[in-house]
Amino acid sequence: MKNLILMACIVLLACSVRAQDKKKTIAVLDFKTSGGLSPAEVTTLANRFRGILVQTRVFDVVEREKMNDILNAQDFNMSDACNTAECAVQVGQLLGVEQMIAGDLGKIGQTYTIDLRLIDVESGKIVGTQTKDYKGEIDGLLAMMTDIARSFAAQTTGQQVVVAQPVTSAAKGTSKTMWYILGGAAVLGGGAAALLLGGGGGGGGASIIPDPSFPN
């Protein structure tokens, strides 16, 4: 019992330290597609991506609706061609954010392609890219969005950023939830707690990022 209390305290302390860090303000342009995905599917993937960026606790993300309101108020017409670094910088300046993300989704044969760019608004430079290919059912792209958001967050902080994910399994007619954190973690079943012990190797440390639905 004492060990559980100690672990919970460490998790809360880690979250408190992360909350005190200055977050990067960021906005995400609507993804463009060269085919293979419907507009509704592209919008769903972009929304998932924004949500995971928020969960990393690294970024302050401008909501899509608020972004549109600000741009409309300044008579900025967001055309379908607004997917370049130059346009992203212009939009970022109007929104008053530090970084922008723009990208393309497509499909070649049976393979989905994802190409996203992290753009610094002040310098206008592309400071990070994430390119992934995925072959499988389209819903697997949701996991790709999580991986890419986590990678951008890690690049920004110089640390491994991990988002807790719930895993539900059925046993003897009942379901239970286990929480896991990848990258060297202690795991407790029943949704009690998850503690990142830290990995080996050099470089920065790791950040514990709680899932909003993590049980108290």
C-alpha atoms as a PDB file:
ATOM      1  CA  MET A   1       0.000   0.000   0.000  1.00  0.00           C
ATOM      2  CA  LYS A   2       2.836   2.380   0.893  1.00  0.00           C
ATOM      3  CA  ASN A   3       4.481   1.629  -2.431  1.00  0.00           C
ATOM      4  CA  LEU A   4       1.275   2.512  -4.262  1.00  0.00           C
ATOM      5  CA  ILE A   5       1.017   5.840  -2.415  1.00  0.00           C
ATOM      6  CA  LEU A   6       4.668   6.633  -3.139  1.00  0.00           C
ATOM      7  CA  MET A   7       4.251   5.835  -6.817  1.00  0.00           C
ATOM      8  CA  ALA A   8       1.133   7.991  -7.045  1.00  0.00           C
ATOM      9  CA  CYS A   9       2.995  10.904  -5.426  1.00  0.00           C
ATOM     10  CA  ILE A  10       5.849  10.601  -7.898  1.00  0.00           C
ATOM     11  CA  VAL A  11       3.402  10.602 -10.800  1.00  0.00           C
ATOM     12  CA  LEU A  12       1.662  13.717  -9.468  1.00  0.00           C
ATOM     13  CA  LEU A  13       5.008  15.449  -8.916  1.00  0.00           C
ATOM     14  CA  ALA A  14       6.121  14.677 -12.445  1.00  0.00           C
ATOM     15  CA  CYS A  15       2.867  16.045 -13.826  1.00  0.00           C
ATOM     16  CA  SER A  16       3.252  19.197 -11.725  1.00  0.00           C
ATOM     17  CA  VAL A  17       6.758  19.792 -13.061  1.00  0.00           C
ATOM     18  CA  ARG A  18       5.528  19.349 -16.614  1.00  0.00           C
ATOM     19  CA  ALA A  19       2.660  21.770 -16.023  1.00  0.00           C
ATOM     20  CA  GLN A  20       5.153  24.438 -14.944  1.00  0.00           C
ATOM     21  CA  ASP A  21       7.100  24.180 -18.194  1.00  0.00           C
ATOM     22  CA  LYS A  22       6.370  26.811 -20.800  1.00  0.00           C
ATOM     23  CA  LYS A  23       4.285  25.340 -23.575  1.00  0.00           C
ATOM     24  CA  LYS A  24       4.714  26.112 -27.242  1.00  0.00           C
ATOM     25  CA  THR A  25       1.743  27.792 -28.872  1.00  0.00           C
ATOM     26  CA  ILE A  26       0.854  25.938 -32.043  1.00  0.00           C
ATOM     27  CA  ALA A  27      -1.863  25.565 -34.660  1.00  0.00           C
ATOM     28  CA  VAL A  28      -2.505  22.836 -37.208  1.00  0.00           C
ATOM     29  CA  LEU A  29      -3.553  23.569 -40.762  1.00  0.00           C
ATOM     30  CA  ASP A  30      -6.138  21.223 -42.220  1.00  0.00           C
ATOM     31  CA  PHE A  31      -4.350  18.307 -43.823  1.00  0.00           C
ATOM     32  CA  LYS A  32      -4.426  18.049 -47.599  1.00  0.00           C
ATOM     33  CA  THR A  33      -4.971  14.799 -49.454  1.00  0.00           C
ATOM     34  CA  SER A  34      -4.007  13.684 -52.918  1.00  0.00           C
ATOM     35  CA  GLY A  35      -6.628  10.932 -52.824  1.00  0.00           C
ATOM     36  CA  GLY A  36      -7.470   7.708 -51.090  1.00  0.00           C
ATOM     37  CA  LEU A  37      -9.191   9.422 -48.140  1.00  0.00           C
ATOM     38  CA  SER A  38     -12.484  11.254 -47.923  1.00  0.00           C
ATOM     39  CA  PRO A  39     -12.675  14.825 -46.560  1.00  0.00           C
ATOM     40  CA  ALA A  40     -14.443  13.506 -43.454  1.00  0.00           C
ATOM     41  CA  GLU A  41     -11.664  10.984 -42.804  1.00  0.00           C
ATOM     42  CA  VAL A  42      -8.977  13.650 -43.206  1.00  0.00           C
ATOM     43  CA  THR A  43     -10.826  15.938 -40.778  1.00  0.00           C
ATOM     44  CA  THR A  44     -11.154  13.123 -38.230  1.00  0.00           C
ATOM     45  CA  LEU A  45      -7.433  12.363 -38.411  1.00  0.00           C
ATOM     46  CA  ALA A  46      -6.534  16.045 -38.026  1.00  0.00           C
ATOM     47  CA  ASN A  47      -8.803  16.353 -35.002  1.00  0.00           C
ATOM     48  CA  ARG A  48      -7.232  13.274 -33.414  1.00  0.00           C
ATOM     49  CA  PHE A  49      -3.805  14.759 -34.080  1.00  0.00           C
ATOM     50  CA  ARG A  50      -4.728  18.030 -32.362  1.00  0.00           C
ATOM     51  CA  GLY A  51      -6.101  16.121 -29.387  1.00  0.00           C
ATOM     52  CA  ILE A  52      -2.902  14.117 -28.928  1.00  0.00           C
ATOM     53  CA  LEU A  53      -0.812  17.295 -29.176  1.00  0.00           C
ATOM     54  CA  VAL A  54      -2.809  18.654 -26.232  1.00  0.00           C
ATOM     55  CA  GLN A  55      -2.339  15.428 -24.260  1.00  0.00           C
ATOM     56  CA  THR A  56       1.443  15.667 -24.541  1.00  0.00           C
ATOM     57  CA  ARG A  57       1.287  18.779 -22.305  1.00  0.00           C
ATOM     58  CA  VAL A  58       3.999  20.282 -24.527  1.00  0.00           C
ATOM     59  CA  PHE A  59       1.795  22.444 -26.752  1.00  0.00           C
ATOM     60  CA  ASP A  60      -0.962  24.994 -26.344  1.00  0.00           C
ATOM     61  CA  VAL A  61      -3.072  24.138 -29.391  1.00  0.00           C
ATOM     62  CA  VAL A  62      -5.427  26.602 -31.058  1.00  0.00           C
ATOM     63  CA  GLU A  63      -8.756  24.905 -31.697  1.00  0.00           C
ATOM     64  CA  ARG A  64      -9.815  24.589 -35.295  1.00  0.00           C
ATOM     65  CA  GLU A  65     -13.008  26.621 -34.753  1.00  0.00           C
ATOM     66  CA  LYS A  66     -11.139  29.396 -32.939  1.00  0.00           C
ATOM     67  CA  MET A  67      -8.504  29.451 -35.665  1.00  0.00           C
ATOM     68  CA  ASN A  68     -11.192  29.899 -38.316  1.00  0.00           C
ATOM     69  CA  ASP A  69     -12.872  32.654 -36.282  1.00  0.00           C
ATOM     70  CA  ILE A  70      -9.611  34.602 -35.955  1.00  0.00           C
ATOM     71  CA  LEU A  71      -8.791  34.266 -39.642  1.00  0.00           C
ATOM     72  CA  ASN A  72     -12.317  35.239 -40.700  1.00  0.00           C
ATOM     73  CA  ALA A  73     -12.191  38.286 -38.446  1.00  0.00           C
ATOM     74  CA  GLN A  74      -9.052  39.397 -40.279  1.00  0.00           C
ATOM     75  CA  ASP A  75     -10.565  38.683 -43.707  1.00  0.00           C
ATOM     76  CA  PHE A  76      -8.056  35.949 -44.432  1.00  0.00           C
ATOM     77  CA  ASN A  77      -9.337  33.479 -46.986  1.00  0.00           C
ATOM     78  CA  MET A  78      -8.016  29.993 -46.255  1.00  0.00           C
ATOM     79  CA  SER A  79      -7.729  28.430 -49.701  1.00  0.00           C
ATOM     80  CA  ASP A  80      -7.103  24.782 -50.465  1.00  0.00           C
ATOM     81  CA  ALA A  81      -3.611  25.758 -51.587  1.00  0.00           C
ATOM     82  CA  CYS A  82      -2.657  26.966 -48.101  1.00  0.00           C
ATOM     83  CA  ASN A  83      -0.384  24.074 -47.274  1.00  0.00           C
ATOM     84  CA  THR A  84       3.057  25.555 -47.902  1.00  0.00           C
ATOM     85  CA  ALA A  85       5.539  26.809 -45.314  1.00  0.00           C
ATOM     86  CA  GLU A  86       4.978  30.368 -46.544  1.00  0.00           C
ATOM     87  CA  CYS A  87       1.220  30.170 -46.045  1.00  0.00           C
ATOM     88  CA  ALA A  88       1.652  28.442 -42.677  1.00  0.00           C
ATOM     89  CA  VAL A  89       3.885  31.293 -41.506  1.00  0.00           C
ATOM     90  CA  GLN A  90       1.337  33.868 -42.644  1.00  0.00           C
ATOM     91  CA  VAL A  91      -1.458  32.065 -40.800  1.00  0.00           C
ATOM     92  CA  GLY A  92       0.741  31.620 -37.728  1.00  0.00           C
ATOM     93  CA  GLN A  93       1.467  35.335 -37.597  1.00  0.00           C
ATOM     94  CA  LEU A  94      -2.235  36.150 -37.751  1.00  0.00           C
ATOM     95  CA  LEU A  95      -2.944  33.631 -34.987  1.00  0.00           C
ATOM     96  CA  GLY A  96      -0.027  34.795 -32.850  1.00  0.00           C
ATOM     97  CA  VAL A  97       1.434  31.295 -32.401  1.00  0.00           C
ATOM     98  CA  GLU A  98       5.044  30.171 -32.327  1.00  0.00           C
ATOM     99  CA  GLN A  99       4.742  27.087 -34.510  1.00  0.00           C
ATOM    100  CA  MET A 100       2.518  25.661 -37.221  1.00  0.00           C
ATOM    101  CA  ILE A 101       2.005  22.149 -38.539  1.00  0.00           C
ATOM    102  CA  ALA A 102       1.027  21.460 -42.133  1.00  0.00           C
ATOM    103  CA  GLY A 103       0.920  18.200 -43.981  1.00  0.00           C
ATOM    104  CA  ASP A 104      -0.346  15.840 -46.619  1.00  0.00           C
ATOM    105  CA  LEU A 105      -2.107  12.499 -46.478  1.00  0.00           C
ATOM    106  CA  GLY A 106      -2.319  10.213 -49.470  1.00  0.00           C
ATOM    107  CA  LYS A 107      -2.505   6.667 -50.720  1.00  0.00           C
ATOM    108  CA  ILE A 108      -0.411   4.773 -53.238  1.00  0.00           C
ATOM    109  CA  GLY A 109      -1.751   1.339 -54.034  1.00  0.00           C
ATOM    110  CA  GLN A 110      -2.566  -0.184 -50.647  1.00  0.00           C
ATOM    111  CA  THR A 111      -0.196   2.069 -48.701  1.00  0.00           C
ATOM    112  CA  TYR A 112      -1.225   5.257 -46.914  1.00  0.00           C
ATOM    113  CA  THR A 113       1.368   8.029 -46.779  1.00  0.00           C
ATOM    114  CA  ILE A 114       1.705  10.730 -44.120  1.00  0.00           C
ATOM    115  CA  ASP A 115       3.999  13.740 -44.509  1.00  0.00           C
ATOM    116  CA  LEU A 116       3.794  16.420 -41.806  1.00  0.00           C
ATOM    117  CA  ARG A 117       5.990  19.473 -41.278  1.00  0.00           C
ATOM    118  CA  LEU A 118       6.665  21.493 -38.123  1.00  0.00           C
ATOM    119  CA  ILE A 119       7.266  25.137 -39.049  1.00  0.00           C
ATOM    120  CA  ASP A 120       8.744  27.904 -36.914  1.00  0.00           C
ATOM    121  CA  VAL A 121       6.649  31.025 -37.484  1.00  0.00           C
ATOM    122  CA  GLU A 122       9.359  33.546 -36.605  1.00  0.00           C
ATOM    123  CA  SER A 123      12.089  32.142 -38.847  1.00  0.00           C
ATOM    124  CA  GLY A 124       9.822  30.583 -41.474  1.00  0.00           C
ATOM    125  CA  LYS A 125      11.966  27.456 -41.405  1.00  0.00           C
ATOM    126  CA  ILE A 126      10.804  23.859 -41.310  1.00  0.00           C
ATOM    127  CA  VAL A 127      12.245  22.669 -38.009  1.00  0.00           C
ATOM    128  CA  GLY A 128      10.924  19.116 -38.098  1.00  0.00           C
ATOM    129  CA  THR A 129       9.321  16.580 -40.380  1.00  0.00           C
ATOM    130  CA  GLN A 130       7.534  13.301 -39.833  1.00  0.00           C
ATOM    131  CA  THR A 131       7.043  10.875 -42.714  1.00  0.00           C
ATOM    132  CA  LYS A 132       5.295   7.557 -42.268  1.00  0.00           C
ATOM    133  CA  ASP A 133       3.900   4.865 -44.525  1.00  0.00           C
ATOM    134  CA  TYR A 134       1.123   2.608 -43.339  1.00  0.00           C
ATOM    135  CA  LYS A 135      -0.399  -0.453 -44.956  1.00  0.00           C
ATOM    136  CA  GLY A 136      -3.619  -1.765 -43.447  1.00  0.00           C
ATOM    137  CA  GLU A 137      -7.133  -0.699 -42.495  1.00  0.00           C
ATOM    138  CA  ILE A 138      -7.678   3.044 -42.508  1.00  0.00           C
ATOM    139  CA  ASP A 139      -8.455   3.187 -38.780  1.00  0.00           C
ATOM    140  CA  GLY A 140      -4.814   2.273 -38.136  1.00  0.00           C
ATOM    141  CA  LEU A 141      -3.959   5.832 -39.185  1.00  0.00           C
ATOM    142  CA  LEU A 142      -5.302   6.996 -35.817  1.00  0.00           C
ATOM    143  CA  ALA A 143      -2.343   5.309 -34.127  1.00  0.00           C
ATOM    144  CA  MET A 144      -0.026   6.941 -36.655  1.00  0.00           C
ATOM    145  CA  MET A 145      -1.361  10.350 -35.621  1.00  0.00           C
ATOM    146  CA  THR A 146      -0.525   9.529 -32.002  1.00  0.00           C
ATOM    147  CA  ASP A 147       3.022   8.470 -32.884  1.00  0.00           C
ATOM    148  CA  ILE A 148       3.671  11.590 -34.947  1.00  0.00           C
ATOM    149  CA  ALA A 149       2.280  13.988 -32.322  1.00  0.00           C
ATOM    150  CA  ARG A 150       4.443  12.319 -29.685  1.00  0.00           C
ATOM    151  CA  SER A 151       7.503  12.580 -31.940  1.00  0.00           C
ATOM    152  CA  PHE A 152       6.979  16.300 -32.526  1.00  0.00           C
ATOM    153  CA  ALA A 153       6.588  16.829 -28.775  1.00  0.00           C
ATOM    154  CA  ALA A 154       9.786  14.894 -28.063  1.00  0.00           C
ATOM    155  CA  GLN A 155      11.666  16.907 -30.660  1.00  0.00           C
ATOM    156  CA  THR A 156      10.437  20.150 -29.107  1.00  0.00           C
ATOM    157  CA  THR A 157      11.396  19.248 -25.533  1.00  0.00           C
ATOM    158  CA  GLY A 158      14.453  17.128 -26.235  1.00  0.00           C
ATOM    159  CA  GLN A 159      12.870  14.448 -24.056  1.00  0.00           C
ATOM    160  CA  GLN A 160      10.911  11.301 -24.630  1.00  0.00           C
ATOM    161  CA  VAL A 161       7.243  12.156 -24.307  1.00  0.00           C
ATOM    162  CA  VAL A 162       4.851   9.317 -23.599  1.00  0.00           C
ATOM    163  CA  VAL A 163       1.068   9.426 -23.649  1.00  0.00           C
ATOM    164  CA  ALA A 164      -0.693   6.874 -21.454  1.00  0.00           C
ATOM    165  CA  GLN A 165      -3.178   4.737 -23.336  1.00  0.00           C
ATOM    166  CA  PRO A 166      -5.894   2.529 -21.864  1.00  0.00           C
ATOM    167  CA  VAL A 167      -5.961  -1.115 -22.866  1.00  0.00           C
ATOM    168  CA  THR A 168      -9.154  -3.024 -22.211  1.00  0.00           C
ATOM    169  CA  SER A 169      -9.144  -6.802 -21.997  1.00  0.00           C
ATOM    170  CA  ALA A 170     -11.904  -9.260 -21.164  1.00  0.00           C
ATOM    171  CA  ALA A 171     -11.418 -12.031 -18.638  1.00  0.00           C
ATOM    172  CA  LYS A 172     -14.064 -14.496 -17.461  1.00  0.00           C
ATOM    173  CA  GLY A 173     -16.936 -12.403 -18.722  1.00  0.00           C
ATOM    174  CA  THR A 174     -15.669  -9.187 -17.141  1.00  0.00           C
ATOM    175  CA  SER A 175     -13.492  -6.432 -18.506  1.00  0.00           C
ATOM    176  CA  LYS A 176     -10.634  -4.734 -16.770  1.00  0.00           C
ATOM    177  CA  THR A 177      -8.451  -1.838 -17.780  1.00  0.00           C
ATOM    178  CA  MET A 178      -4.699  -1.869 -17.607  1.00  0.00           C
ATOM    179  CA  TRP A 179      -2.613   1.256 -18.093  1.00  0.00           C
ATOM    180  CA  TYR A 180       0.724   1.131 -19.770  1.00  0.00           C
ATOM    181  CA  ILE A 181       3.528   3.476 -20.642  1.00  0.00           C
ATOM    182  CA  LEU A 182       6.047   2.447 -23.268  1.00  0.00           C
ATOM    183  CA  GLY A 183       9.757   3.013 -22.940  1.00  0.00           C
ATOM    184  CA  GLY A 184      10.683   1.390 -19.611  1.00  0.00           C
ATOM    185  CA  ALA A 185       7.681   1.470 -17.321  1.00  0.00           C
ATOM    186  CA  ALA A 186       6.201  -0.211 -14.304  1.00  0.00           C
ATOM    187  CA  VAL A 187       2.616  -1.236 -14.956  1.00  0.00           C
ATOM    188  CA  LEU A 188      -0.172  -1.847 -12.497  1.00  0.00           C
ATOM    189  CA  GLY A 189      -3.349  -3.652 -13.548  1.00  0.00           C
ATOM    190  CA  GLY A 190      -6.815  -2.472 -12.697  1.00  0.00           C
ATOM    191  CA  GLY A 191      -6.066   1.112 -13.718  1.00  0.00           C
ATOM    192  CA  ALA A 192      -4.252   1.921 -10.463  1.00  0.00           C
ATOM    193  CA  ALA A 193      -1.214   3.843 -11.685  1.00  0.00           C
ATOM    194  CA  ALA A 194       1.646   3.851 -14.120  1.00  0.00           C
ATOM    195  CA  LEU A 195       5.144   5.008 -13.332  1.00  0.00           C
ATOM    196  CA  LEU A 196       7.870   5.631 -15.825  1.00  0.00           C
ATOM    197  CA  LEU A 197      11.087   4.350 -14.344  1.00  0.00           C
ATOM    198  CA  GLY A 198      13.291   5.956 -16.968  1.00  0.00           C
ATOM    199  CA  GLY A 199      15.273   4.217 -19.634  1.00  0.00           C
ATOM    200  CA  GLY A 200      18.949   3.632 -20.016  1.00  0.00           C
ATOM    201  CA  GLY A 201      21.010   5.421 -22.609  1.00  0.00           C
ATOM    202  CA  GLY A 202      22.011   9.030 -22.776  1.00  0.00           C
ATOM    203  CA  GLY A 203      20.029  12.076 -23.732  1.00  0.00           C
ATOM    204  CA  GLY A 204      17.097  13.651 -22.003  1.00  0.00           C
ATOM    205  CA  GLY A 205      14.816  12.098 -19.491  1.00  0.00           C
ATOM    206  CA  ALA A 206      11.287  10.926 -20.053  1.00  0.00           C
ATOM    207  CA  SER A 207       8.035  12.682 -19.286  1.00  0.00           C
ATOM    208  CA  ILE A 208       4.993  11.060 -17.762  1.00  0.00           C
ATOM    209  CA  ILE A 209       1.855  12.281 -19.475  1.00  0.00           C
ATOM    210  CA  PRO A 210      -1.445  11.262 -17.874  1.00  0.00           C
ATOM    211  CA  ASP A 211      -4.415  10.322 -20.002  1.00  0.00           C
ATOM    212  CA  PRO A 212      -7.439  12.546 -19.224  1.00  0.00           C
ATOM    213  CA  SER A 213      -9.460   9.462 -18.320  1.00  0.00           C
ATOM    214  CA  PHE A 214      -6.777   8.076 -15.979  1.00  0.00           C
ATOM    215  CA  PRO A 215      -8.569   7.026 -12.779  1.00  0.00           C
ATOM    216  CA  ASN A 216      -8.024   9.041  -9.620  1.00  0.00           C
END
